C-alpha atoms as a PDB file:
ATOM      1  CA  MET A   1     138.911 200.312 239.314  1.00  0.00           C
ATOM      2  CA  ILE A   2     137.155 203.640 239.042  1.00  0.00           C
ATOM      3  CA  LYS A   3     138.604 206.642 240.862  1.00  0.00           C
ATOM      4  CA  ILE A   4     137.034 210.063 241.090  1.00  0.00           C
ATOM      5  CA  VAL A   5     139.160 213.075 242.020  1.00  0.00           C
ATOM      6  CA  GLY A   6     137.260 216.110 243.209  1.00  0.00           C
ATOM      7  CA  ARG A   7     137.626 219.250 241.142  1.00  0.00           C
ATOM      8  CA  ASP A   8     137.839 222.757 242.579  1.00  0.00           C
ATOM      9  CA  ASN A   9     134.531 223.883 244.114  1.00  0.00           C
ATOM     10  CA  GLU A  10     132.759 220.690 242.981  1.00  0.00           C
ATOM     11  CA  SER A  11     129.864 219.552 245.120  1.00  0.00           C
ATOM     12  CA  LEU A  12     129.550 216.035 246.460  1.00  0.00           C
ATOM     13  CA  ASP A  13     126.370 215.489 244.426  1.00  0.00           C
ATOM     14  CA  SER A  14     128.115 216.205 241.138  1.00  0.00           C
ATOM     15  CA  MET A  15     130.986 213.890 242.106  1.00  0.00           C
ATOM     16  CA  ILE A  16     128.502 211.100 242.838  1.00  0.00           C
ATOM     17  CA  ARG A  17     126.791 211.721 239.496  1.00  0.00           C
ATOM     18  CA  ARG A  18     130.157 211.504 237.709  1.00  0.00           C
ATOM     19  CA  PHE A  19     130.967 208.291 239.552  1.00  0.00           C
ATOM     20  CA  LYS A  20     127.635 206.691 238.626  1.00  0.00           C
ATOM     21  CA  ARG A  21     128.068 207.749 234.995  1.00  0.00           C
ATOM     22  CA  LEU A  22     131.526 206.152 234.862  1.00  0.00           C
ATOM     23  CA  CYS A  23     130.206 202.964 236.489  1.00  0.00           C
ATOM     24  CA  ARG A  24     127.470 202.746 233.875  1.00  0.00           C
ATOM     25  CA  LYS A  25     129.941 203.398 231.066  1.00  0.00           C
ATOM     26  CA  GLU A  26     132.382 200.743 232.327  1.00  0.00           C
ATOM     27  CA  GLY A  27     129.591 198.198 232.868  1.00  0.00           C
ATOM     28  CA  VAL A  28     130.411 197.535 236.525  1.00  0.00           C
ATOM     29  CA  LEU A  29     126.832 196.837 237.581  1.00  0.00           C
ATOM     30  CA  ILE A  30     126.208 194.513 234.660  1.00  0.00           C
ATOM     31  CA  ASP A  31     129.260 192.459 235.613  1.00  0.00           C
ATOM     32  CA  LEU A  32     128.145 192.311 239.233  1.00  0.00           C
ATOM     33  CA  LYS A  33     124.699 191.074 238.277  1.00  0.00           C
ATOM     34  CA  LYS A  34     126.162 188.576 235.838  1.00  0.00           C
ATOM     35  CA  ASN A  35     128.489 187.122 238.479  1.00  0.00           C
ATOM     36  CA  GLN A  36     125.949 187.013 241.309  1.00  0.00           C
ATOM     37  CA  TYR A  37     125.706 183.232 241.050  1.00  0.00           C
ATOM     38  CA  TYR A  38     127.640 180.498 239.307  1.00  0.00           C
ATOM     39  CA  GLU A  39     126.433 179.336 235.918  1.00  0.00           C
ATOM     40  CA  LYS A  40     127.662 176.222 234.204  1.00  0.00           C
ATOM     41  CA  LYS A  41     129.349 176.541 230.836  1.00  0.00           C
ATOM     42  CA  SER A  42     126.488 174.675 229.133  1.00  0.00           C
ATOM     43  CA  ASP A  43     123.928 177.077 230.626  1.00  0.00           C
ATOM     44  CA  ILE A  44     125.881 180.080 229.389  1.00  0.00           C
ATOM     45  CA  GLU A  45     125.992 178.636 225.865  1.00  0.00           C
ATOM     46  CA  ARG A  46     122.255 177.900 225.968  1.00  0.00           C
ATOM     47  CA  HIS A  47     121.494 181.502 226.989  1.00  0.00           C
ATOM     48  CA  LYS A  48     123.705 182.816 224.188  1.00  0.00           C
ATOM     49  CA  LYS A  49     121.921 180.642 221.605  1.00  0.00           C
ATOM     50  CA  LYS A  50     118.492 181.803 222.812  1.00  0.00           C
ATOM     51  CA  ALA A  51     119.596 185.437 222.636  1.00  0.00           C
ATOM     52  CA  ALA A  52     120.914 184.934 219.099  1.00  0.00           C
ATOM     53  CA  ILE A  53     117.607 183.399 218.026  1.00  0.00           C
ATOM     54  CA  ARG A  54     115.688 186.319 219.561  1.00  0.00           C
ATOM     55  CA  ARG A  55     117.933 188.850 217.779  1.00  0.00           C
ATOM     56  CA  SER A  56     117.510 187.122 214.425  1.00  0.00           C
ATOM     57  CA  GLN A  57     113.724 186.990 214.819  1.00  0.00           C
ATOM     58  CA  ARG A  58     113.609 190.695 215.602  1.00  0.00           C
ATOM     59  CA  LYS A  59     115.610 191.478 212.475  1.00  0.00           C
ATOM     60  CA  LYS A  60     113.181 189.478 210.332  1.00  0.00           C
ATOM     61  CA  ASN A  61     110.174 191.506 211.571  1.00  0.00           C
END
């Protein structure tokens, strides 16, 4: 859980920017998107294999 404590004389905009930066760094949005719907174990494995193939093809070129 991400908590932001306001510093002395810090504007709300800069606090929001810090919060968004921490969310990006922690990968909160990625996890939310990943867990938006249920995926079977076999589907997850298939996606991982496809991604590995794509990565290996990029390295070859």
